[in-house]
């Protein structure tokens, strides 16, 4: 199986009025070998990441993200298996572990439809595509989110807002549109983040807190002529 990500991966911590940029990852390196700090943080914060798993993910720039659109940026290809497959690990992020604290992630995702895969996660608080669902998981076989119908085999822009200890306060935007989230599978645990997200495919640009900001973010990227 093959998972793909493109453009940028970016994280913000805090509320919209006082959000702090934690990192931005454009995935434009020539290769990933598993060396420390090889996945470069272009935010200026120097929180560089590392390719992990087997087989390792690979950066791709030979073919554009959109056919016939060579101006689109490079992206990462993340082969399986679903367990311990290729991913990016980004450690030392200055996220708050306090109850109620929020961290947001924005990325472009190309999912091939494989069941039970996680585009990104923090220890036991992650995003999960499983059994026709897409949303937040807390390590209890649970999904708080939406139907995954229509997400496979295309580029989708995802913004996810994670809330410590309160999954019901999370937010999800797909292609700039705020989603109505429901408990679709099992029950969540209290979920706290670690400071190291693992990303099975990651891309994104900015971390909005409103639908209009999400739509604006989505419209800026993956649109090269």
N, C-alpha and C. Protein backbone atom coordinates (compact mmCIF):
# COMPACT_ATOMS: atom_id res chain seq x y z
N UNK A 1 0.83 -1.18 0.00
CA UNK A 1 0.00 0.00 0.00
C UNK A 1 0.87 1.24 0.00
N UNK A 2 0.31 2.37 -0.38
CA UNK A 2 1.10 3.58 -0.54
C UNK A 2 0.30 4.78 -0.06
N UNK A 3 0.91 5.60 0.75
CA UNK A 3 0.27 6.82 1.21
C UNK A 3 1.11 8.00 0.75
N UNK A 4 0.49 9.10 0.47
CA UNK A 4 1.22 10.23 -0.09
C UNK A 4 0.83 11.51 0.63
N UNK A 5 1.79 12.40 0.79
CA UNK A 5 1.50 13.71 1.34
C UNK A 5 2.20 14.77 0.53
N UNK A 6 1.71 15.99 0.56
CA UNK A 6 2.35 17.01 -0.25
C UNK A 6 2.41 18.35 0.44
N UNK A 7 3.23 19.23 -0.14
CA UNK A 7 3.36 20.60 0.31
C UNK A 7 3.88 20.69 1.74
N UNK A 8 3.18 21.33 2.65
CA UNK A 8 3.74 21.62 3.96
C UNK A 8 2.99 20.92 5.08
N UNK A 9 3.69 20.75 6.20
CA UNK A 9 3.08 20.28 7.44
C UNK A 9 3.38 21.34 8.48
N UNK A 10 2.37 21.81 9.19
CA UNK A 10 2.58 22.92 10.10
C UNK A 10 1.80 22.70 11.37
N UNK A 11 2.39 23.14 12.51
CA UNK A 11 1.72 23.00 13.80
C UNK A 11 1.68 24.35 14.50
N UNK A 12 0.56 24.62 15.16
CA UNK A 12 0.41 25.80 16.00
C UNK A 12 -0.10 25.37 17.36
N UNK A 13 0.30 26.09 18.40
CA UNK A 13 -0.22 25.85 19.74
C UNK A 13 -0.88 27.12 20.24
N UNK A 14 -1.99 26.97 21.00
CA UNK A 14 -2.66 28.11 21.59
C UNK A 14 -3.92 28.49 20.85
N UNK A 15 -4.61 29.50 21.35
CA UNK A 15 -5.83 29.98 20.74
C UNK A 15 -5.50 30.83 19.52
N UNK A 16 -6.51 31.06 18.68
CA UNK A 16 -6.29 31.76 17.42
C UNK A 16 -5.68 33.14 17.62
N UNK A 17 -6.10 33.85 18.69
CA UNK A 17 -5.63 35.22 18.90
C UNK A 17 -4.20 35.27 19.40
N UNK A 18 -3.68 34.14 19.92
CA UNK A 18 -2.33 34.12 20.47
C UNK A 18 -1.63 32.81 20.13
N UNK A 19 -1.84 32.33 18.92
CA UNK A 19 -1.25 31.06 18.52
C UNK A 19 0.25 31.21 18.30
N UNK A 20 0.98 30.16 18.60
CA UNK A 20 2.43 30.13 18.44
C UNK A 20 2.79 29.11 17.37
N UNK A 21 3.54 29.53 16.37
CA UNK A 21 3.98 28.61 15.33
C UNK A 21 5.05 27.68 15.90
N UNK A 22 4.81 26.39 15.81
CA UNK A 22 5.76 25.41 16.34
C UNK A 22 6.68 24.86 15.27
N UNK A 23 6.17 24.67 14.05
CA UNK A 23 7.00 24.11 13.00
C UNK A 23 6.30 24.09 11.67
N UNK A 24 7.10 24.10 10.60
CA UNK A 24 6.59 24.02 9.24
C UNK A 24 7.52 23.11 8.44
N UNK A 25 6.93 22.12 7.78
CA UNK A 25 7.73 21.09 7.11
C UNK A 25 7.27 20.97 5.66
N UNK A 26 8.13 21.38 4.73
CA UNK A 26 7.76 21.43 3.32
C UNK A 26 8.08 20.16 2.56
N UNK A 27 8.83 19.25 3.17
CA UNK A 27 9.11 17.94 2.57
C UNK A 27 9.82 18.07 1.23
N UNK A 28 10.75 18.99 1.15
CA UNK A 28 11.44 19.24 -0.11
C UNK A 28 12.89 18.74 -0.10
N UNK A 29 13.25 17.90 0.86
CA UNK A 29 14.60 17.34 0.88
C UNK A 29 14.81 16.39 -0.30
N UNK A 30 16.04 16.14 -0.64
CA UNK A 30 16.35 15.25 -1.76
C UNK A 30 16.16 13.80 -1.38
N UNK A 31 16.43 13.45 -0.12
CA UNK A 31 16.24 12.08 0.33
C UNK A 31 16.11 12.05 1.84
N UNK A 32 15.53 10.97 2.37
CA UNK A 32 15.47 10.71 3.80
C UNK A 32 16.11 9.35 4.06
N UNK A 33 17.06 9.31 4.98
CA UNK A 33 17.81 8.09 5.25
C UNK A 33 17.61 7.59 6.68
N UNK A 34 16.84 8.31 7.48
CA UNK A 34 16.70 7.97 8.89
C UNK A 34 17.64 8.76 9.78
N UNK A 35 18.41 9.68 9.20
CA UNK A 35 19.34 10.50 9.98
C UNK A 35 18.58 11.53 10.81
N UNK A 36 19.13 11.88 11.94
CA UNK A 36 18.54 12.89 12.80
C UNK A 36 18.50 14.24 12.08
N UNK A 37 17.42 14.99 12.28
CA UNK A 37 17.28 16.37 11.79
C UNK A 37 17.27 16.49 10.28
N UNK A 38 16.95 15.40 9.56
CA UNK A 38 16.98 15.47 8.10
C UNK A 38 15.70 16.06 7.51
N UNK A 39 14.58 15.99 8.23
CA UNK A 39 13.33 16.60 7.78
C UNK A 39 13.31 18.01 8.33
N UNK A 40 13.48 18.99 7.46
CA UNK A 40 13.82 20.34 7.91
C UNK A 40 12.59 21.16 8.27
N UNK A 41 12.70 21.85 9.38
CA UNK A 41 11.68 22.79 9.84
C UNK A 41 11.98 24.15 9.22
N UNK A 42 11.09 24.64 8.34
CA UNK A 42 11.33 25.91 7.65
C UNK A 42 10.70 27.09 8.37
N UNK A 43 10.21 26.88 9.60
CA UNK A 43 9.60 27.98 10.35
C UNK A 43 10.64 28.88 11.00
N UNK A 44 11.89 28.42 11.06
CA UNK A 44 12.92 29.16 11.76
C UNK A 44 13.10 28.70 13.20
N UNK A 45 12.28 27.75 13.66
CA UNK A 45 12.38 27.26 15.03
C UNK A 45 13.36 26.11 15.20
N UNK A 46 13.85 25.59 14.07
CA UNK A 46 14.87 24.53 14.08
C UNK A 46 14.41 23.26 14.81
N UNK A 47 13.12 22.95 14.69
CA UNK A 47 12.61 21.71 15.26
C UNK A 47 12.54 20.67 14.13
N UNK A 48 13.69 20.20 13.74
CA UNK A 48 13.80 19.31 12.59
C UNK A 48 13.36 17.88 12.98
N UNK A 49 12.91 17.13 11.98
CA UNK A 49 12.40 15.80 12.22
C UNK A 49 13.26 14.72 11.60
N UNK A 50 12.74 13.49 11.67
CA UNK A 50 13.49 12.32 11.23
C UNK A 50 12.55 11.31 10.59
N UNK A 51 12.99 10.70 9.50
CA UNK A 51 12.22 9.62 8.88
C UNK A 51 12.43 8.34 9.68
N UNK A 52 11.33 7.61 9.93
CA UNK A 52 11.40 6.37 10.70
C UNK A 52 10.57 5.29 10.01
N UNK A 53 10.64 4.07 10.53
CA UNK A 53 9.81 2.98 10.03
C UNK A 53 10.50 2.16 8.95
N UNK A 54 9.80 1.14 8.51
CA UNK A 54 10.32 0.25 7.47
C UNK A 54 9.20 -0.18 6.54
N UNK A 55 9.35 0.12 5.24
CA UNK A 55 10.43 0.89 4.64
C UNK A 55 10.30 2.38 4.98
N UNK A 56 11.41 3.09 4.87
CA UNK A 56 11.39 4.53 5.15
C UNK A 56 10.53 5.26 4.12
N UNK A 57 9.91 6.38 4.52
CA UNK A 57 9.23 7.22 3.54
C UNK A 57 10.24 7.89 2.62
N UNK A 58 9.78 8.37 1.50
CA UNK A 58 10.68 9.03 0.55
C UNK A 58 10.07 10.34 0.07
N UNK A 59 10.89 11.40 -0.06
CA UNK A 59 10.39 12.63 -0.69
C UNK A 59 10.28 12.43 -2.19
N UNK A 60 9.27 13.07 -2.79
CA UNK A 60 9.00 12.89 -4.22
C UNK A 60 8.88 14.26 -4.87
N UNK A 61 9.63 14.46 -5.94
CA UNK A 61 9.46 15.70 -6.71
C UNK A 61 9.53 15.44 -8.21
N UNK A 62 9.71 14.18 -8.60
CA UNK A 62 9.81 13.87 -10.03
C UNK A 62 8.48 14.08 -10.73
N UNK A 63 7.38 13.77 -10.04
CA UNK A 63 6.04 13.95 -10.60
C UNK A 63 5.30 14.98 -9.75
N UNK A 64 4.63 15.94 -10.37
CA UNK A 64 3.92 16.95 -9.59
C UNK A 64 2.75 16.35 -8.83
N UNK A 65 2.35 17.02 -7.76
CA UNK A 65 1.20 16.55 -6.99
C UNK A 65 -0.05 16.51 -7.86
N UNK A 66 -0.16 17.46 -8.77
CA UNK A 66 -1.27 17.47 -9.72
C UNK A 66 -0.71 17.25 -11.12
N UNK A 67 -1.17 16.26 -11.86
CA UNK A 67 -0.65 16.01 -13.21
C UNK A 67 -0.74 17.25 -14.08
N UNK A 68 0.35 17.55 -14.78
CA UNK A 68 0.38 18.71 -15.66
C UNK A 68 0.59 20.02 -14.95
N UNK A 69 0.83 19.98 -13.61
CA UNK A 69 1.04 21.20 -12.83
C UNK A 69 2.41 21.15 -12.17
N UNK A 70 3.49 21.36 -12.92
CA UNK A 70 4.84 21.19 -12.36
C UNK A 70 5.18 22.22 -11.29
N UNK A 71 4.37 23.26 -11.11
CA UNK A 71 4.65 24.25 -10.08
C UNK A 71 4.31 23.79 -8.69
N UNK A 72 3.59 22.69 -8.54
CA UNK A 72 3.26 22.23 -7.19
C UNK A 72 4.51 21.69 -6.50
N UNK A 73 4.51 21.75 -5.18
CA UNK A 73 5.70 21.43 -4.41
C UNK A 73 5.93 19.93 -4.30
N UNK A 74 7.07 19.60 -3.72
CA UNK A 74 7.38 18.19 -3.46
C UNK A 74 6.46 17.65 -2.37
N UNK A 75 6.47 16.33 -2.22
CA UNK A 75 5.63 15.69 -1.21
C UNK A 75 6.32 14.42 -0.76
N UNK A 76 5.75 13.76 0.24
CA UNK A 76 6.32 12.53 0.75
C UNK A 76 5.48 11.34 0.37
N UNK A 77 6.11 10.22 0.09
CA UNK A 77 5.42 8.96 -0.16
C UNK A 77 5.69 8.04 1.02
N UNK A 78 4.61 7.49 1.62
CA UNK A 78 4.72 6.73 2.85
C UNK A 78 4.17 5.32 2.65
N UNK A 79 5.02 4.36 2.33
CA UNK A 79 4.56 3.00 2.09
C UNK A 79 4.22 2.29 3.39
N UNK A 80 3.43 1.21 3.29
CA UNK A 80 3.05 0.43 4.46
C UNK A 80 4.21 -0.42 4.95
N UNK A 81 3.97 -1.31 5.89
CA UNK A 81 2.66 -1.69 6.43
C UNK A 81 2.09 -0.64 7.36
N UNK A 82 0.82 -0.82 7.73
CA UNK A 82 0.16 0.15 8.60
C UNK A 82 0.84 0.23 9.96
N UNK A 83 1.35 -0.90 10.46
CA UNK A 83 2.06 -0.91 11.72
C UNK A 83 3.55 -0.72 11.52
N UNK A 84 4.10 0.36 12.07
CA UNK A 84 5.53 0.65 11.99
C UNK A 84 6.03 0.85 10.57
N UNK A 85 5.15 1.28 9.68
CA UNK A 85 5.57 1.63 8.33
C UNK A 85 6.24 2.99 8.32
N UNK A 86 6.56 3.47 7.13
CA UNK A 86 7.26 4.74 6.99
C UNK A 86 6.49 5.91 7.58
N UNK A 87 7.19 6.76 8.31
CA UNK A 87 6.57 7.92 8.95
C UNK A 87 7.65 8.96 9.22
N UNK A 88 7.22 10.14 9.66
CA UNK A 88 8.13 11.19 10.09
C UNK A 88 7.91 11.43 11.58
N UNK A 89 8.98 11.52 12.33
CA UNK A 89 8.91 11.79 13.76
C UNK A 89 9.52 13.15 14.03
N UNK A 90 8.77 14.01 14.71
CA UNK A 90 9.23 15.37 14.99
C UNK A 90 9.19 15.57 16.50
N UNK A 91 10.33 15.59 17.14
CA UNK A 91 10.40 15.65 18.59
C UNK A 91 10.66 17.04 19.12
N UNK A 92 10.49 17.19 20.44
CA UNK A 92 10.84 18.43 21.11
C UNK A 92 9.94 19.60 20.84
N UNK A 93 8.71 19.34 20.39
CA UNK A 93 7.80 20.46 20.14
C UNK A 93 7.30 21.04 21.47
N UNK A 94 7.23 22.36 21.51
CA UNK A 94 6.86 23.04 22.76
C UNK A 94 5.35 23.11 22.91
N UNK A 95 4.70 21.93 22.94
CA UNK A 95 3.25 21.90 23.10
C UNK A 95 2.92 21.89 24.59
N UNK A 96 1.77 22.43 24.93
CA UNK A 96 1.31 22.40 26.31
C UNK A 96 0.61 21.08 26.58
N UNK A 97 0.90 20.47 27.72
CA UNK A 97 0.23 19.25 28.14
C UNK A 97 -0.86 19.52 29.17
N UNK A 98 -1.16 20.80 29.37
CA UNK A 98 -2.18 21.18 30.36
C UNK A 98 -3.57 20.79 29.86
N UNK A 99 -4.47 20.37 30.75
CA UNK A 99 -5.84 20.07 30.35
C UNK A 99 -6.49 21.25 29.64
N UNK A 100 -7.12 20.97 28.51
CA UNK A 100 -7.80 22.01 27.75
C UNK A 100 -6.93 22.75 26.76
N UNK A 101 -5.61 22.56 26.81
CA UNK A 101 -4.72 23.22 25.85
C UNK A 101 -4.94 22.64 24.46
N UNK A 102 -4.73 23.47 23.44
CA UNK A 102 -5.01 23.07 22.06
C UNK A 102 -3.76 23.16 21.19
N UNK A 103 -3.64 22.21 20.29
CA UNK A 103 -2.61 22.24 19.25
C UNK A 103 -3.27 21.88 17.93
N UNK A 104 -2.96 22.63 16.88
CA UNK A 104 -3.57 22.39 15.57
C UNK A 104 -2.53 21.96 14.55
N UNK A 105 -2.97 21.16 13.61
CA UNK A 105 -2.12 20.64 12.55
C UNK A 105 -2.84 20.83 11.22
N UNK A 106 -2.10 21.27 10.20
CA UNK A 106 -2.68 21.47 8.87
C UNK A 106 -1.83 20.74 7.85
N UNK A 107 -2.48 20.01 6.93
CA UNK A 107 -1.72 19.28 5.92
C UNK A 107 -2.62 18.91 4.73
N UNK A 108 -1.96 18.64 3.60
CA UNK A 108 -2.61 18.04 2.44
C UNK A 108 -2.42 16.53 2.52
N UNK A 109 -3.45 15.78 2.19
CA UNK A 109 -3.42 14.33 2.32
C UNK A 109 -3.93 13.68 1.04
N UNK A 110 -3.21 12.67 0.59
CA UNK A 110 -3.69 11.80 -0.49
C UNK A 110 -3.72 10.38 0.08
N UNK A 111 -4.92 9.88 0.30
CA UNK A 111 -5.13 8.56 0.91
C UNK A 111 -5.56 7.58 -0.17
N UNK A 112 -4.95 6.39 -0.18
CA UNK A 112 -5.26 5.42 -1.24
C UNK A 112 -6.43 4.50 -0.89
N UNK A 113 -7.10 4.75 0.23
CA UNK A 113 -8.27 3.97 0.61
C UNK A 113 -7.98 2.79 1.51
N UNK A 114 -6.71 2.54 1.85
CA UNK A 114 -6.37 1.43 2.73
C UNK A 114 -7.03 1.61 4.09
N UNK A 115 -7.59 0.55 4.63
CA UNK A 115 -8.28 0.63 5.92
C UNK A 115 -7.29 0.65 7.09
N UNK A 116 -7.66 1.37 8.14
CA UNK A 116 -6.92 1.43 9.40
C UNK A 116 -5.52 2.00 9.23
N UNK A 117 -5.47 3.27 8.86
CA UNK A 117 -4.20 4.00 8.78
C UNK A 117 -4.36 5.34 9.49
N UNK A 118 -3.25 5.85 10.00
CA UNK A 118 -3.25 7.09 10.77
C UNK A 118 -2.36 8.12 10.09
N UNK A 119 -2.92 9.21 9.58
CA UNK A 119 -2.08 10.23 8.93
C UNK A 119 -1.15 10.94 9.88
N UNK A 120 -1.55 11.16 11.13
CA UNK A 120 -0.64 11.74 12.12
C UNK A 120 -1.16 11.45 13.51
N UNK A 121 -0.27 11.51 14.47
CA UNK A 121 -0.71 11.25 15.83
C UNK A 121 0.33 11.68 16.85
N UNK A 122 -0.16 11.83 18.10
CA UNK A 122 0.71 12.16 19.23
C UNK A 122 0.65 11.00 20.20
N UNK A 123 1.28 10.07 20.34
CA UNK A 123 1.11 9.02 21.34
C UNK A 123 -0.29 8.42 21.25
N UNK A 124 -1.25 8.80 22.10
CA UNK A 124 -2.59 8.22 22.07
C UNK A 124 -3.66 9.22 21.67
N UNK A 125 -3.33 10.21 20.91
CA UNK A 125 -4.32 11.17 20.40
C UNK A 125 -3.95 11.41 18.94
N UNK A 126 -4.72 10.85 18.03
CA UNK A 126 -4.31 10.84 16.63
C UNK A 126 -5.51 10.97 15.71
N UNK A 127 -5.23 10.99 14.41
CA UNK A 127 -6.25 10.93 13.37
C UNK A 127 -6.24 9.53 12.77
N UNK A 128 -7.45 8.96 12.55
CA UNK A 128 -7.53 7.57 12.12
C UNK A 128 -8.55 7.43 11.00
N UNK A 129 -8.16 6.73 9.94
CA UNK A 129 -9.04 6.34 8.85
C UNK A 129 -9.34 4.86 9.00
N UNK A 130 -10.57 4.51 9.40
CA UNK A 130 -10.88 3.12 9.69
C UNK A 130 -12.37 2.85 9.52
N UNK A 131 -12.71 1.75 8.91
CA UNK A 131 -14.09 1.26 8.84
C UNK A 131 -15.08 2.31 8.32
N UNK A 132 -14.64 3.12 7.37
CA UNK A 132 -15.52 4.14 6.80
C UNK A 132 -15.59 5.42 7.59
N UNK A 133 -14.72 5.58 8.61
CA UNK A 133 -14.71 6.77 9.44
C UNK A 133 -13.39 7.52 9.28
N UNK A 134 -13.39 8.81 9.59
CA UNK A 134 -12.16 9.60 9.68
C UNK A 134 -12.33 10.59 10.83
N UNK A 135 -11.39 10.55 11.77
CA UNK A 135 -11.49 11.48 12.88
C UNK A 135 -10.49 11.19 13.96
N UNK A 136 -10.81 11.65 15.17
CA UNK A 136 -9.89 11.61 16.30
C UNK A 136 -10.01 10.28 17.05
N UNK A 137 -8.87 9.72 17.40
CA UNK A 137 -8.78 8.45 18.11
C UNK A 137 -7.94 8.65 19.36
N UNK A 138 -8.30 7.99 20.46
CA UNK A 138 -7.54 8.11 21.71
C UNK A 138 -6.99 6.78 22.20
N UNK A 139 -6.77 5.84 21.29
CA UNK A 139 -6.19 4.57 21.66
C UNK A 139 -7.17 3.59 22.27
N UNK A 140 -8.46 3.80 22.03
CA UNK A 140 -9.48 2.91 22.57
C UNK A 140 -10.37 2.36 21.46
N UNK A 141 -9.81 2.22 20.25
CA UNK A 141 -10.55 1.81 19.06
C UNK A 141 -11.71 2.75 18.77
N UNK A 142 -11.59 4.00 19.19
CA UNK A 142 -12.66 4.99 19.06
C UNK A 142 -12.38 5.94 17.90
N UNK A 143 -13.46 6.50 17.35
CA UNK A 143 -13.35 7.55 16.33
C UNK A 143 -14.42 8.60 16.62
N UNK A 144 -13.97 9.83 16.81
CA UNK A 144 -14.86 10.98 16.91
C UNK A 144 -14.62 11.81 15.66
N UNK A 145 -15.56 11.76 14.71
CA UNK A 145 -15.27 12.43 13.46
C UNK A 145 -16.39 12.36 12.45
N UNK A 146 -16.04 11.97 11.21
CA UNK A 146 -16.95 12.03 10.08
C UNK A 146 -16.83 10.75 9.26
N UNK A 147 -17.68 10.62 8.25
CA UNK A 147 -17.53 9.56 7.28
C UNK A 147 -16.31 9.84 6.41
N UNK A 148 -15.60 8.78 6.04
CA UNK A 148 -14.45 8.95 5.15
C UNK A 148 -14.83 8.88 3.68
N UNK A 149 -16.12 8.78 3.38
CA UNK A 149 -16.58 8.72 2.00
C UNK A 149 -16.12 9.95 1.23
N UNK A 150 -15.56 9.73 0.05
CA UNK A 150 -15.13 10.84 -0.80
C UNK A 150 -13.72 11.33 -0.53
N UNK A 151 -13.02 10.76 0.45
CA UNK A 151 -11.67 11.22 0.77
C UNK A 151 -10.58 10.43 0.06
N UNK A 152 -10.90 9.23 -0.41
CA UNK A 152 -9.87 8.37 -1.01
C UNK A 152 -9.51 8.81 -2.42
N UNK A 153 -8.24 8.60 -2.77
CA UNK A 153 -7.73 8.78 -4.14
C UNK A 153 -7.91 10.20 -4.66
N UNK A 154 -7.70 11.15 -3.78
CA UNK A 154 -7.68 12.56 -4.18
C UNK A 154 -6.92 13.34 -3.12
N UNK A 155 -6.49 14.55 -3.47
CA UNK A 155 -5.88 15.44 -2.50
C UNK A 155 -6.97 16.11 -1.67
N UNK A 156 -6.83 16.03 -0.36
CA UNK A 156 -7.77 16.69 0.55
C UNK A 156 -6.95 17.53 1.54
N UNK A 157 -7.42 18.75 1.80
CA UNK A 157 -6.76 19.60 2.78
C UNK A 157 -7.40 19.37 4.14
N UNK A 158 -6.58 19.07 5.14
CA UNK A 158 -7.07 18.72 6.48
C UNK A 158 -6.50 19.70 7.50
N UNK A 159 -7.36 20.21 8.35
CA UNK A 159 -6.95 20.97 9.53
C UNK A 159 -7.58 20.29 10.74
N UNK A 160 -6.76 19.89 11.70
CA UNK A 160 -7.25 19.21 12.89
C UNK A 160 -6.80 19.97 14.13
N UNK A 161 -7.75 20.26 15.01
CA UNK A 161 -7.44 20.93 16.28
C UNK A 161 -7.61 19.92 17.41
N UNK A 162 -6.52 19.61 18.11
CA UNK A 162 -6.50 18.66 19.21
C UNK A 162 -6.63 19.39 20.54
N UNK A 163 -7.49 18.90 21.42
CA UNK A 163 -7.71 19.50 22.73
C UNK A 163 -7.35 18.50 23.81
N UNK A 164 -6.47 18.87 24.72
CA UNK A 164 -6.07 17.96 25.79
C UNK A 164 -7.25 17.61 26.69
N UNK A 165 -7.50 16.32 26.85
CA UNK A 165 -8.46 15.85 27.82
C UNK A 165 -9.92 16.02 27.47
N UNK A 166 -10.22 16.48 26.24
CA UNK A 166 -11.62 16.72 25.87
C UNK A 166 -11.77 16.55 24.37
N UNK A 167 -11.94 15.32 23.93
CA UNK A 167 -12.05 15.04 22.50
C UNK A 167 -13.23 15.78 21.88
N UNK A 168 -14.30 15.96 22.65
CA UNK A 168 -15.49 16.63 22.13
C UNK A 168 -15.23 18.09 21.79
N UNK A 169 -14.14 18.66 22.28
CA UNK A 169 -13.78 20.04 21.96
C UNK A 169 -12.86 20.14 20.75
N UNK A 170 -12.51 19.00 20.15
CA UNK A 170 -11.68 19.02 18.94
C UNK A 170 -12.46 19.59 17.76
N UNK A 171 -11.72 19.99 16.73
CA UNK A 171 -12.34 20.50 15.51
C UNK A 171 -11.63 19.93 14.30
N UNK A 172 -12.37 19.78 13.20
CA UNK A 172 -11.83 19.21 11.97
C UNK A 172 -12.38 19.98 10.78
N UNK A 173 -11.49 20.40 9.88
CA UNK A 173 -11.87 21.08 8.63
C UNK A 173 -11.37 20.24 7.47
N UNK A 174 -12.22 20.02 6.49
CA UNK A 174 -11.83 19.33 5.26
C UNK A 174 -12.04 20.29 4.09
N UNK A 175 -10.98 20.56 3.35
CA UNK A 175 -11.04 21.49 2.22
C UNK A 175 -11.65 22.82 2.63
N UNK A 176 -11.28 23.30 3.81
CA UNK A 176 -11.72 24.60 4.28
C UNK A 176 -13.09 24.64 4.91
N UNK A 177 -13.75 23.51 5.02
CA UNK A 177 -15.11 23.47 5.54
C UNK A 177 -15.13 22.80 6.92
N UNK A 178 -15.68 23.49 7.92
CA UNK A 178 -15.80 22.92 9.26
C UNK A 178 -16.73 21.72 9.22
N UNK A 179 -16.33 20.63 9.87
CA UNK A 179 -17.09 19.40 9.85
C UNK A 179 -17.91 19.23 11.13
N UNK A 180 -19.07 18.60 10.99
CA UNK A 180 -19.88 18.25 12.15
C UNK A 180 -19.40 16.88 12.64
N UNK A 181 -18.86 16.83 13.84
CA UNK A 181 -18.25 15.62 14.36
C UNK A 181 -19.21 14.87 15.28
N UNK A 182 -19.20 13.55 15.18
CA UNK A 182 -20.00 12.70 16.06
C UNK A 182 -19.14 11.52 16.51
N UNK A 183 -19.57 10.87 17.59
CA UNK A 183 -18.88 9.68 18.07
C UNK A 183 -19.30 8.50 17.19
N UNK A 184 -18.41 8.04 16.33
CA UNK A 184 -18.75 7.07 15.31
C UNK A 184 -18.34 5.64 15.68
N UNK A 185 -17.43 5.51 16.64
CA UNK A 185 -16.96 4.17 16.98
C UNK A 185 -16.39 4.19 18.39
N UNK A 186 -16.87 3.28 19.28
CA UNK A 186 -16.39 3.11 20.65
C UNK A 186 -16.44 4.42 21.44
N UNK A 187 -15.77 4.46 22.59
CA UNK A 187 -15.77 5.63 23.46
C UNK A 187 -14.34 6.13 23.64
N UNK A 188 -14.12 7.43 23.71
CA UNK A 188 -12.76 7.96 23.85
C UNK A 188 -12.23 7.85 25.28
N UNK A 189 -10.92 7.82 25.38
CA UNK A 189 -10.23 8.01 26.65
C UNK A 189 -9.93 9.49 26.81
N UNK A 190 -9.52 9.88 28.01
CA UNK A 190 -8.96 11.22 28.20
C UNK A 190 -7.64 11.26 27.44
N UNK A 191 -7.48 12.22 26.53
CA UNK A 191 -6.32 12.19 25.63
C UNK A 191 -5.41 13.38 25.88
N UNK A 192 -4.16 13.11 26.21
CA UNK A 192 -3.14 14.14 26.35
C UNK A 192 -2.06 13.89 25.30
N UNK A 193 -1.50 14.96 24.77
CA UNK A 193 -0.47 14.83 23.75
C UNK A 193 0.89 14.63 24.37
N UNK A 194 1.76 14.00 23.64
CA UNK A 194 3.18 14.06 23.93
C UNK A 194 3.76 15.19 23.09
N UNK A 195 5.07 15.40 23.19
CA UNK A 195 5.69 16.47 22.40
C UNK A 195 6.25 15.97 21.08
N UNK A 196 5.97 14.72 20.72
CA UNK A 196 6.51 14.15 19.49
C UNK A 196 5.41 13.57 18.63
N UNK A 197 4.95 14.29 17.60
CA UNK A 197 3.98 13.70 16.68
C UNK A 197 4.66 12.77 15.70
N UNK A 198 3.96 11.71 15.30
CA UNK A 198 4.41 10.84 14.22
C UNK A 198 3.44 11.02 13.07
N UNK A 199 3.97 11.19 11.89
CA UNK A 199 3.15 11.55 10.74
C UNK A 199 3.33 10.53 9.64
N UNK A 200 2.25 9.88 9.28
CA UNK A 200 2.33 8.87 8.23
C UNK A 200 2.25 9.49 6.86
N UNK A 201 1.67 10.65 6.77
CA UNK A 201 1.79 11.51 5.60
C UNK A 201 1.47 12.89 6.10
N UNK A 202 2.24 13.86 5.73
CA UNK A 202 2.03 15.16 6.35
C UNK A 202 2.26 16.29 5.37
N UNK A 203 1.35 17.23 5.36
CA UNK A 203 1.50 18.42 4.58
C UNK A 203 0.55 19.45 5.12
N UNK A 204 0.73 20.68 4.83
CA UNK A 204 -0.18 21.69 5.33
C UNK A 204 0.44 23.06 5.21
N UNK A 205 -0.21 24.06 5.74
CA UNK A 205 0.36 25.39 5.60
C UNK A 205 0.10 26.24 6.84
N UNK A 206 -1.12 26.58 7.16
CA UNK A 206 -1.36 27.36 8.35
C UNK A 206 -2.43 26.71 9.19
N UNK A 207 -2.56 27.17 10.43
CA UNK A 207 -3.47 26.53 11.35
C UNK A 207 -4.58 27.49 11.69
N UNK A 208 -5.68 27.43 10.98
CA UNK A 208 -6.79 28.35 11.23
C UNK A 208 -7.63 27.92 12.42
N UNK A 209 -8.42 28.83 12.93
CA UNK A 209 -9.34 28.53 14.01
C UNK A 209 -10.78 28.78 13.59
N UNK A 210 -10.98 29.26 12.36
CA UNK A 210 -12.33 29.51 11.86
C UNK A 210 -12.47 28.91 10.47
N UNK A 211 -13.70 28.72 10.03
CA UNK A 211 -13.94 28.15 8.71
C UNK A 211 -13.38 29.05 7.62
N UNK A 212 -13.50 30.37 7.78
CA UNK A 212 -13.01 31.28 6.73
C UNK A 212 -11.50 31.21 6.63
N UNK A 213 -10.79 31.07 7.77
CA UNK A 213 -9.34 30.93 7.72
C UNK A 213 -8.94 29.60 7.10
N UNK A 214 -9.68 28.55 7.40
CA UNK A 214 -9.39 27.25 6.81
C UNK A 214 -9.56 27.29 5.31
N UNK A 215 -10.62 27.93 4.83
CA UNK A 215 -10.86 28.03 3.40
C UNK A 215 -9.77 28.85 2.73
N UNK A 216 -9.32 29.92 3.39
CA UNK A 216 -8.26 30.74 2.84
C UNK A 216 -6.96 29.97 2.74
N UNK A 217 -6.64 29.20 3.77
CA UNK A 217 -5.43 28.37 3.76
C UNK A 217 -5.47 27.38 2.62
N UNK A 218 -6.58 26.69 2.47
CA UNK A 218 -6.71 25.66 1.46
C UNK A 218 -6.55 26.23 0.06
N UNK A 219 -7.05 27.43 -0.18
CA UNK A 219 -7.05 28.00 -1.52
C UNK A 219 -5.67 28.44 -1.98
N UNK A 220 -4.71 28.60 -1.06
CA UNK A 220 -3.40 29.12 -1.42
C UNK A 220 -2.46 28.08 -2.00
N UNK A 221 -2.74 26.80 -1.77
CA UNK A 221 -1.77 25.76 -2.08
C UNK A 221 -2.36 24.66 -2.94
N UNK A 222 -1.47 23.97 -3.62
CA UNK A 222 -1.86 22.92 -4.56
C UNK A 222 -2.68 23.49 -5.71
N UNK A 223 -2.37 24.73 -6.13
CA UNK A 223 -3.14 25.37 -7.19
C UNK A 223 -2.24 25.96 -8.27
N UNK A 224 -1.04 25.42 -8.43
CA UNK A 224 -0.13 25.98 -9.41
C UNK A 224 -0.67 25.82 -10.82
N UNK A 225 -0.40 26.80 -11.68
CA UNK A 225 -0.86 26.75 -13.07
C UNK A 225 0.14 26.00 -13.94
